[in-house]
């Protein structure tokens, strides 16, 4: 895991803090790994809230995230949306 150091200013710009920042885990393969670890740590009978908190599902029944994007045959619009390319 790559950890970088970054500086941020605080207190109306009068102080500088140096922080260690790792890669964000909210997209792509990193997110799927992060979600799998979090779901594995939950008890199977734990209820997860869904649909704005009006419904719930057990952690053991929660569906696994998958990469559903096709890499072949994907259509991409280009040229201000006037033309379409197929991969």
PDB file of N, CA and C in Angstrom:
ATOM      1  N   UNK A   1       0.844  -1.165   0.000  1.00  0.00           N
ATOM      2  CA  UNK A   1       0.000   0.000   0.000  1.00  0.00           C
ATOM      3  C   UNK A   1       0.894   1.235   0.000  1.00  0.00           C
ATOM      4  N   UNK A   2       0.602   2.144  -0.886  1.00  0.00           N
ATOM      5  CA  UNK A   2       1.364   3.385  -1.019  1.00  0.00           C
ATOM      6  C   UNK A   2       0.825   4.426  -0.054  1.00  0.00           C
ATOM      7  N   UNK A   3       1.695   4.975   0.779  1.00  0.00           N
ATOM      8  CA  UNK A   3       1.296   6.024   1.709  1.00  0.00           C
ATOM      9  C   UNK A   3       2.091   7.278   1.366  1.00  0.00           C
ATOM     10  N   UNK A   4       1.367   8.371   1.162  1.00  0.00           N
ATOM     11  CA  UNK A   4       1.998   9.638   0.793  1.00  0.00           C
ATOM     12  C   UNK A   4       1.859  10.621   1.947  1.00  0.00           C
ATOM     13  N   UNK A   5       2.717  11.609   1.970  1.00  0.00           N
ATOM     14  CA  UNK A   5       2.608  12.687   2.940  1.00  0.00           C
ATOM     15  C   UNK A   5       2.085  13.916   2.212  1.00  0.00           C
ATOM     16  N   UNK A   6       1.136  14.601   2.829  1.00  0.00           N
ATOM     17  CA  UNK A   6       0.573  15.812   2.249  1.00  0.00           C
ATOM     18  C   UNK A   6       0.467  16.878   3.323  1.00  0.00           C
ATOM     19  N   UNK A   7       0.518  18.118   2.902  1.00  0.00           N
ATOM     20  CA  UNK A   7       0.417  19.229   3.841  1.00  0.00           C
ATOM     21  C   UNK A   7      -0.916  19.933   3.645  1.00  0.00           C
ATOM     22  N   UNK A   8      -1.599  20.256   4.747  1.00  0.00           N
ATOM     23  CA  UNK A   8      -2.836  21.031   4.678  1.00  0.00           C
ATOM     24  C   UNK A   8      -2.690  22.230   5.607  1.00  0.00           C
ATOM     25  N   UNK A   9      -3.306  23.328   5.229  1.00  0.00           N
ATOM     26  CA  UNK A   9      -3.243  24.515   6.082  1.00  0.00           C
ATOM     27  C   UNK A   9      -4.482  24.567   6.961  1.00  0.00           C
ATOM     28  N   UNK A  10      -4.298  25.007   8.206  1.00  0.00           N
ATOM     29  CA  UNK A  10      -5.382  25.111   9.175  1.00  0.00           C
ATOM     30  C   UNK A  10      -5.309  26.471   9.854  1.00  0.00           C
ATOM     31  N   UNK A  11      -6.282  26.757  10.709  1.00  0.00           N
ATOM     32  CA  UNK A  11      -6.296  28.000  11.491  1.00  0.00           C
ATOM     33  C   UNK A  11      -6.165  29.231  10.600  1.00  0.00           C
ATOM     34  N   UNK A  12      -7.030  29.355   9.631  1.00  0.00           N
ATOM     35  CA  UNK A  12      -7.037  30.499   8.708  1.00  0.00           C
ATOM     36  C   UNK A  12      -5.714  30.645   7.974  1.00  0.00           C
ATOM     37  N   UNK A  13      -5.042  29.536   7.730  1.00  0.00           N
ATOM     38  CA  UNK A  13      -3.788  29.558   6.980  1.00  0.00           C
ATOM     39  C   UNK A  13      -2.561  29.838   7.801  1.00  0.00           C
ATOM     40  N   UNK A  14      -2.675  29.874   9.114  1.00  0.00           N
ATOM     41  CA  UNK A  14      -1.521  30.200   9.956  1.00  0.00           C
ATOM     42  C   UNK A  14      -0.745  28.973  10.404  1.00  0.00           C
ATOM     43  N   UNK A  15      -1.311  27.768  10.243  1.00  0.00           N
ATOM     44  CA  UNK A  15      -0.622  26.535  10.619  1.00  0.00           C
ATOM     45  C   UNK A  15      -0.608  25.582   9.432  1.00  0.00           C
ATOM     46  N   UNK A  16       0.387  24.717   9.415  1.00  0.00           N
ATOM     47  CA  UNK A  16       0.483  23.690   8.383  1.00  0.00           C
ATOM     48  C   UNK A  16       0.623  22.345   9.080  1.00  0.00           C
ATOM     49  N   UNK A  17      -0.254  21.394   8.734  1.00  0.00           N
ATOM     50  CA  UNK A  17      -0.176  20.034   9.272  1.00  0.00           C
ATOM     51  C   UNK A  17       0.314  19.103   8.183  1.00  0.00           C
ATOM     52  N   UNK A  18       1.152  18.149   8.547  1.00  0.00           N
ATOM     53  CA  UNK A  18       1.612  17.142   7.602  1.00  0.00           C
ATOM     54  C   UNK A  18       0.911  15.831   7.933  1.00  0.00           C
ATOM     55  N   UNK A  19       0.185  15.284   6.977  1.00  0.00           N
ATOM     56  CA  UNK A  19      -0.585  14.057   7.177  1.00  0.00           C
ATOM     57  C   UNK A  19      -0.088  12.955   6.273  1.00  0.00           C
ATOM     58  N   UNK A  20      -0.224  11.722   6.734  1.00  0.00           N
ATOM     59  CA  UNK A  20       0.062  10.559   5.894  1.00  0.00           C
ATOM     60  C   UNK A  20      -1.251  10.100   5.285  1.00  0.00           C
ATOM     61  N   UNK A  21      -1.296  10.035   3.973  1.00  0.00           N
ATOM     62  CA  UNK A  21      -2.527   9.713   3.260  1.00  0.00           C
ATOM     63  C   UNK A  21      -2.286   8.478   2.399  1.00  0.00           C
ATOM     64  N   UNK A  22      -3.180   7.502   2.521  1.00  0.00           N
ATOM     65  CA  UNK A  22      -3.133   6.314   1.682  1.00  0.00           C
ATOM     66  C   UNK A  22      -4.112   6.452   0.532  1.00  0.00           C
ATOM     67  N   UNK A  23      -4.162   5.472  -0.340  1.00  0.00           N
ATOM     68  CA  UNK A  23      -5.101   5.552  -1.459  1.00  0.00           C
ATOM     69  C   UNK A  23      -6.548   5.472  -0.973  1.00  0.00           C
ATOM     70  N   UNK A  24      -7.418   6.160  -1.658  1.00  0.00           N
ATOM     71  CA  UNK A  24      -8.838   6.138  -1.312  1.00  0.00           C
ATOM     72  C   UNK A  24      -9.420   4.772  -1.625  1.00  0.00           C
ATOM     73  N   UNK A  25     -10.321   4.275  -0.767  1.00  0.00           N
ATOM     74  CA  UNK A  25     -10.882   2.938  -0.970  1.00  0.00           C
ATOM     75  C   UNK A  25     -12.376   3.013  -1.256  1.00  0.00           C
ATOM     76  N   UNK A  26     -12.812   3.980  -2.026  1.00  0.00           N
ATOM     77  CA  UNK A  26     -14.241   4.083  -2.309  1.00  0.00           C
ATOM     78  C   UNK A  26     -14.573   3.862  -3.772  1.00  0.00           C
ATOM     79  N   UNK A  27     -13.645   3.318  -4.563  1.00  0.00           N
ATOM     80  CA  UNK A  27     -13.973   3.029  -5.946  1.00  0.00           C
ATOM     81  C   UNK A  27     -13.157   1.841  -6.451  1.00  0.00           C
ATOM     82  N   UNK A  28     -13.700   1.155  -7.439  1.00  0.00           N
ATOM     83  CA  UNK A  28     -12.990   0.087  -8.125  1.00  0.00           C
ATOM     84  C   UNK A  28     -12.686  -1.122  -7.265  1.00  0.00           C
ATOM     85  N   UNK A  29     -11.563  -1.750  -7.584  1.00  0.00           N
ATOM     86  CA  UNK A  29     -11.169  -2.985  -6.918  1.00  0.00           C
ATOM     87  C   UNK A  29     -10.850  -2.753  -5.438  1.00  0.00           C
ATOM     88  N   UNK A  30     -10.266  -1.597  -5.115  1.00  0.00           N
ATOM     89  CA  UNK A  30      -9.983  -1.298  -3.708  1.00  0.00           C
ATOM     90  C   UNK A  30     -11.255  -1.267  -2.885  1.00  0.00           C
ATOM     91  N   UNK A  31     -12.340  -0.721  -3.457  1.00  0.00           N
ATOM     92  CA  UNK A  31     -13.608  -0.676  -2.729  1.00  0.00           C
ATOM     93  C   UNK A  31     -14.163  -2.076  -2.515  1.00  0.00           C
ATOM     94  N   UNK A  32     -14.095  -2.927  -3.540  1.00  0.00           N
ATOM     95  CA  UNK A  32     -14.623  -4.285  -3.398  1.00  0.00           C
ATOM     96  C   UNK A  32     -13.869  -5.047  -2.308  1.00  0.00           C
ATOM     97  N   UNK A  33     -12.548  -4.872  -2.242  1.00  0.00           N
ATOM     98  CA  UNK A  33     -11.761  -5.516  -1.182  1.00  0.00           C
ATOM     99  C   UNK A  33     -12.131  -4.950   0.188  1.00  0.00           C
ATOM    100  N   UNK A  34     -12.268  -3.636   0.265  1.00  0.00           N
ATOM    101  CA  UNK A  34     -12.635  -2.984   1.525  1.00  0.00           C
ATOM    102  C   UNK A  34     -14.014  -3.452   1.995  1.00  0.00           C
ATOM    103  N   UNK A  35     -14.974  -3.515   1.064  1.00  0.00           N
ATOM    104  CA  UNK A  35     -16.326  -3.938   1.418  1.00  0.00           C
ATOM    105  C   UNK A  35     -16.343  -5.407   1.869  1.00  0.00           C
ATOM    106  N   UNK A  36     -15.565  -6.254   1.200  1.00  0.00           N
ATOM    107  CA  UNK A  36     -15.518  -7.669   1.585  1.00  0.00           C
ATOM    108  C   UNK A  36     -14.967  -7.829   3.002  1.00  0.00           C
ATOM    109  N   UNK A  37     -13.927  -7.044   3.356  1.00  0.00           N
ATOM    110  CA  UNK A  37     -13.370  -7.107   4.713  1.00  0.00           C
ATOM    111  C   UNK A  37     -14.387  -6.642   5.746  1.00  0.00           C
ATOM    112  N   UNK A  38     -15.089  -5.547   5.451  1.00  0.00           N
ATOM    113  CA  UNK A  38     -16.081  -5.019   6.386  1.00  0.00           C
ATOM    114  C   UNK A  38     -17.236  -5.997   6.569  1.00  0.00           C
ATOM    115  N   UNK A  39     -17.705  -6.602   5.484  1.00  0.00           N
ATOM    116  CA  UNK A  39     -18.820  -7.540   5.568  1.00  0.00           C
ATOM    117  C   UNK A  39     -18.409  -8.816   6.295  1.00  0.00           C
ATOM    118  N   UNK A  40     -17.156  -9.251   6.143  1.00  0.00           N
ATOM    119  CA  UNK A  40     -16.680 -10.454   6.820  1.00  0.00           C
ATOM    120  C   UNK A  40     -16.603 -10.239   8.333  1.00  0.00           C
ATOM    121  N   UNK A  41     -16.378  -8.993   8.754  1.00  0.00           N
ATOM    122  CA  UNK A  41     -16.266  -8.726  10.184  1.00  0.00           C
ATOM    123  C   UNK A  41     -17.626  -8.622  10.883  1.00  0.00           C
ATOM    124  N   UNK A  42     -18.723  -8.511  10.112  1.00  0.00           N
ATOM    125  CA  UNK A  42     -20.060  -8.401  10.707  1.00  0.00           C
ATOM    126  C   UNK A  42     -20.596  -9.769  11.100  1.00  0.00           C
ATOM    127  N   UNK A  43     -21.366  -9.871  12.172  1.00  0.00           N
ATOM    128  CA  UNK A  43     -22.036 -11.128  12.493  1.00  0.00           C
ATOM    129  C   UNK A  43     -23.098 -11.438  11.422  1.00  0.00           C
ATOM    130  N   UNK A  44     -23.341 -12.714  11.168  1.00  0.00           N
ATOM    131  CA  UNK A  44     -24.268 -13.114  10.103  1.00  0.00           C
ATOM    132  C   UNK A  44     -25.694 -12.637  10.371  1.00  0.00           C
ATOM    133  N   UNK A  45     -26.081 -12.496  11.625  1.00  0.00           N
ATOM    134  CA  UNK A  45     -27.453 -12.104  11.959  1.00  0.00           C
ATOM    135  C   UNK A  45     -27.636 -10.575  12.033  1.00  0.00           C
ATOM    136  N   UNK A  46     -26.572  -9.823  11.810  1.00  0.00           N
ATOM    137  CA  UNK A  46     -26.645  -8.355  11.873  1.00  0.00           C
ATOM    138  C   UNK A  46     -27.570  -7.833  10.770  1.00  0.00           C
ATOM    139  N   UNK A  47     -28.484  -6.921  11.111  1.00  0.00           N
ATOM    140  CA  UNK A  47     -29.419  -6.335  10.155  1.00  0.00           C
ATOM    141  C   UNK A  47     -28.802  -5.057   9.580  1.00  0.00           C
ATOM    142  N   UNK A  48     -28.737  -4.974   8.258  1.00  0.00           N
ATOM    143  CA  UNK A  48     -28.217  -3.796   7.568  1.00  0.00           C
ATOM    144  C   UNK A  48     -29.402  -3.010   7.035  1.00  0.00           C
ATOM    145  N   UNK A  49     -29.470  -1.720   7.349  1.00  0.00           N
ATOM    146  CA  UNK A  49     -30.570  -0.875   6.891  1.00  0.00           C
ATOM    147  C   UNK A  49     -30.445  -0.591   5.401  1.00  0.00           C
ATOM    148  N   UNK A  50     -31.576  -0.645   4.691  1.00  0.00           N
ATOM    149  CA  UNK A  50     -31.624  -0.328   3.269  1.00  0.00           C
ATOM    150  C   UNK A  50     -32.826   0.563   3.006  1.00  0.00           C
ATOM    151  N   UNK A  51     -32.913   1.095   1.825  1.00  0.00           N
ATOM    152  CA  UNK A  51     -34.051   1.909   1.380  1.00  0.00           C
ATOM    153  C   UNK A  51     -34.370   3.027   2.364  1.00  0.00           C
ATOM    154  N   UNK A  52     -33.406   3.890   2.613  1.00  0.00           N
ATOM    155  CA  UNK A  52     -33.548   5.039   3.504  1.00  0.00           C
ATOM    156  C   UNK A  52     -33.924   4.654   4.929  1.00  0.00           C
ATOM    157  N   UNK A  53     -33.539   3.448   5.341  1.00  0.00           N
ATOM    158  CA  UNK A  53     -33.799   3.009   6.701  1.00  0.00           C
ATOM    159  C   UNK A  53     -35.161   2.394   6.915  1.00  0.00           C
ATOM    160  N   UNK A  54     -35.955   2.219   5.858  1.00  0.00           N
ATOM    161  CA  UNK A  54     -37.293   1.659   6.011  1.00  0.00           C
ATOM    162  C   UNK A  54     -37.316   0.149   5.846  1.00  0.00           C
ATOM    163  N   UNK A  55     -36.233  -0.450   5.400  1.00  0.00           N
ATOM    164  CA  UNK A  55     -36.162  -1.902   5.226  1.00  0.00           C
ATOM    165  C   UNK A  55     -34.800  -2.372   5.726  1.00  0.00           C
ATOM    166  N   UNK A  56     -34.650  -3.668   5.875  1.00  0.00           N
ATOM    167  CA  UNK A  56     -33.389  -4.221   6.350  1.00  0.00           C
ATOM    168  C   UNK A  56     -33.138  -5.593   5.760  1.00  0.00           C
ATOM    169  N   UNK A  57     -31.878  -5.998   5.765  1.00  0.00           N
ATOM    170  CA  UNK A  57     -31.488  -7.304   5.256  1.00  0.00           C
ATOM    171  C   UNK A  57     -30.378  -7.832   6.160  1.00  0.00           C
ATOM    172  N   UNK A  58     -30.351  -9.143   6.383  1.00  0.00           N
ATOM    173  CA  UNK A  58     -29.302  -9.743   7.207  1.00  0.00           C
ATOM    174  C   UNK A  58     -27.965  -9.660   6.464  1.00  0.00           C
ATOM    175  N   UNK A  59     -26.895  -9.521   7.212  1.00  0.00           N
ATOM    176  CA  UNK A  59     -25.564  -9.414   6.610  1.00  0.00           C
ATOM    177  C   UNK A  59     -25.220 -10.664   5.807  1.00  0.00           C
ATOM    178  N   UNK A  60     -25.697 -11.829   6.232  1.00  0.00           N
ATOM    179  CA  UNK A  60     -25.392 -13.063   5.502  1.00  0.00           C
ATOM    180  C   UNK A  60     -26.109 -13.126   4.158  1.00  0.00           C
ATOM    181  N   UNK A  61     -27.217 -12.376   3.996  1.00  0.00           N
ATOM    182  CA  UNK A  61     -27.986 -12.384   2.753  1.00  0.00           C
ATOM    183  C   UNK A  61     -27.626 -11.222   1.821  1.00  0.00           C
ATOM    184  N   UNK A  62     -26.756 -10.301   2.284  1.00  0.00           N
ATOM    185  CA  UNK A  62     -26.401  -9.119   1.487  1.00  0.00           C
ATOM    186  C   UNK A  62     -25.636  -9.561   0.247  1.00  0.00           C
ATOM    187  N   UNK A  63     -25.991  -9.067  -0.940  1.00  0.00           N
ATOM    188  CA  UNK A  63     -25.319  -9.520  -2.172  1.00  0.00           C
ATOM    189  C   UNK A  63     -23.878  -9.016  -2.259  1.00  0.00           C
ATOM    190  N   UNK A  64     -23.026  -9.800  -2.868  1.00  0.00           N
ATOM    191  CA  UNK A  64     -21.626  -9.425  -3.080  1.00  0.00           C
ATOM    192  C   UNK A  64     -21.558  -8.437  -4.241  1.00  0.00           C
ATOM    193  N   UNK A  65     -20.627  -7.473  -4.168  1.00  0.00           N
ATOM    194  CA  UNK A  65     -20.473  -6.522  -5.273  1.00  0.00           C
ATOM    195  C   UNK A  65     -19.654  -7.182  -6.380  1.00  0.00           C
ATOM    196  N   UNK A  66     -20.038  -6.909  -7.595  1.00  0.00           N
ATOM    197  CA  UNK A  66     -19.370  -7.488  -8.755  1.00  0.00           C
ATOM    198  C   UNK A  66     -19.076  -6.395  -9.765  1.00  0.00           C
ATOM    199  N   UNK A  67     -18.099  -6.649 -10.616  1.00  0.00           N
ATOM    200  CA  UNK A  67     -17.802  -5.732 -11.700  1.00  0.00           C
ATOM    201  C   UNK A  67     -18.705  -6.107 -12.866  1.00  0.00           C
ATOM    202  N   UNK A  68     -19.721  -5.301 -13.123  1.00  0.00           N
ATOM    203  CA  UNK A  68     -20.700  -5.634 -14.139  1.00  0.00           C
ATOM    204  C   UNK A  68     -20.457  -4.923 -15.466  1.00  0.00           C
ATOM    205  N   UNK A  69     -19.390  -4.144 -15.570  1.00  0.00           N
ATOM    206  CA  UNK A  69     -19.108  -3.438 -16.806  1.00  0.00           C
ATOM    207  C   UNK A  69     -18.456  -4.368 -17.820  1.00  0.00           C
ATOM    208  N   UNK A  70     -19.018  -4.488 -18.994  1.00  0.00           N
ATOM    209  CA  UNK A  70     -18.362  -5.309 -20.013  1.00  0.00           C
ATOM    210  C   UNK A  70     -17.173  -4.562 -20.592  1.00  0.00           C
ATOM    211  N   UNK A  71     -16.094  -5.259 -20.845  1.00  0.00           N
ATOM    212  CA  UNK A  71     -14.932  -4.596 -21.429  1.00  0.00           C
ATOM    213  C   UNK A  71     -14.964  -4.662 -22.950  1.00  0.00           C
ATOM    214  N   UNK A  72     -15.726  -5.585 -23.495  1.00  0.00           N
ATOM    215  CA  UNK A  72     -15.832  -5.702 -24.948  1.00  0.00           C
ATOM    216  C   UNK A  72     -17.268  -5.396 -25.350  1.00  0.00           C
ATOM    217  N   UNK A  73     -17.426  -4.599 -26.383  1.00  0.00           N
ATOM    218  CA  UNK A  73     -18.754  -4.244 -26.849  1.00  0.00           C
ATOM    219  C   UNK A  73     -19.345  -3.044 -26.139  1.00  0.00           C
ATOM    220  N   UNK A  74     -18.555  -2.373 -25.295  1.00  0.00           N
ATOM    221  CA  UNK A  74     -19.017  -1.198 -24.572  1.00  0.00           C
ATOM    222  C   UNK A  74     -19.126  -0.037 -25.547  1.00  0.00           C
ATOM    223  N   UNK A  75     -20.242   0.707 -25.494  1.00  0.00           N
ATOM    224  CA  UNK A  75     -20.452   1.831 -26.404  1.00  0.00           C
ATOM    225  C   UNK A  75     -20.159   3.128 -25.674  1.00  0.00           C
ATOM    226  N   UNK A  76     -19.328   3.987 -26.293  1.00  0.00           N
ATOM    227  CA  UNK A  76     -18.914   5.251 -25.711  1.00  0.00           C
ATOM    228  C   UNK A  76     -19.299   6.368 -26.666  1.00  0.00           C
ATOM    229  N   UNK A  77     -19.960   7.401 -26.118  1.00  0.00           N
ATOM    230  CA  UNK A  77     -20.297   8.544 -26.964  1.00  0.00           C
ATOM    231  C   UNK A  77     -19.122   9.512 -26.982  1.00  0.00           C
ATOM    232  N   UNK A  78     -18.916  10.150 -28.107  1.00  0.00           N
ATOM    233  CA  UNK A  78     -17.828  11.112 -28.246  1.00  0.00           C
ATOM    234  C   UNK A  78     -18.265  12.224 -29.186  1.00  0.00           C
ATOM    235  N   UNK A  79     -17.435  13.214 -29.361  1.00  0.00           N
ATOM    236  CA  UNK A  79     -17.750  14.317 -30.255  1.00  0.00           C
ATOM    237  C   UNK A  79     -19.000  15.071 -29.811  1.00  0.00           C
ATOM    238  N   UNK A  80     -19.036  15.513 -28.562  1.00  0.00           N
ATOM    239  CA  UNK A  80     -20.180  16.211 -27.965  1.00  0.00           C
ATOM    240  C   UNK A  80     -21.453  15.369 -27.986  1.00  0.00           C
ATOM    241  N   UNK A  81     -21.289  14.068 -27.971  1.00  0.00           N
ATOM    242  CA  UNK A  81     -22.442  13.167 -27.946  1.00  0.00           C
ATOM    243  C   UNK A  81     -23.038  12.902 -29.285  1.00  0.00           C
ATOM    244  N   UNK A  82     -22.379  13.332 -30.363  1.00  0.00           N
ATOM    245  CA  UNK A  82     -22.948  13.153 -31.705  1.00  0.00           C
ATOM    246  C   UNK A  82     -22.507  11.867 -32.383  1.00  0.00           C
ATOM    247  N   UNK A  83     -21.460  11.210 -31.891  1.00  0.00           N
ATOM    248  CA  UNK A  83     -21.019   9.943 -32.474  1.00  0.00           C
ATOM    249  C   UNK A  83     -20.818   8.913 -31.379  1.00  0.00           C
ATOM    250  N   UNK A  84     -20.885   7.642 -31.756  1.00  0.00           N
ATOM    251  CA  UNK A  84     -20.766   6.538 -30.801  1.00  0.00           C
ATOM    252  C   UNK A  84     -19.678   5.597 -31.282  1.00  0.00           C
ATOM    253  N   UNK A  85     -18.776   5.220 -30.342  1.00  0.00           N
ATOM    254  CA  UNK A  85     -17.730   4.249 -30.619  1.00  0.00           C
ATOM    255  C   UNK A  85     -17.996   2.981 -29.853  1.00  0.00           C
ATOM    256  N   UNK A  86     -17.707   1.849 -30.421  1.00  0.00           N
ATOM    257  CA  UNK A  86     -17.842   0.569 -29.734  1.00  0.00           C
ATOM    258  C   UNK A  86     -16.456   0.007 -29.487  1.00  0.00           C
ATOM    259  N   UNK A  87     -16.177  -0.387 -28.247  1.00  0.00           N
ATOM    260  CA  UNK A  87     -14.867  -0.954 -27.908  1.00  0.00           C
ATOM    261  C   UNK A  87     -14.772  -2.388 -28.379  1.00  0.00           C
TER     262      UNK A  87
END
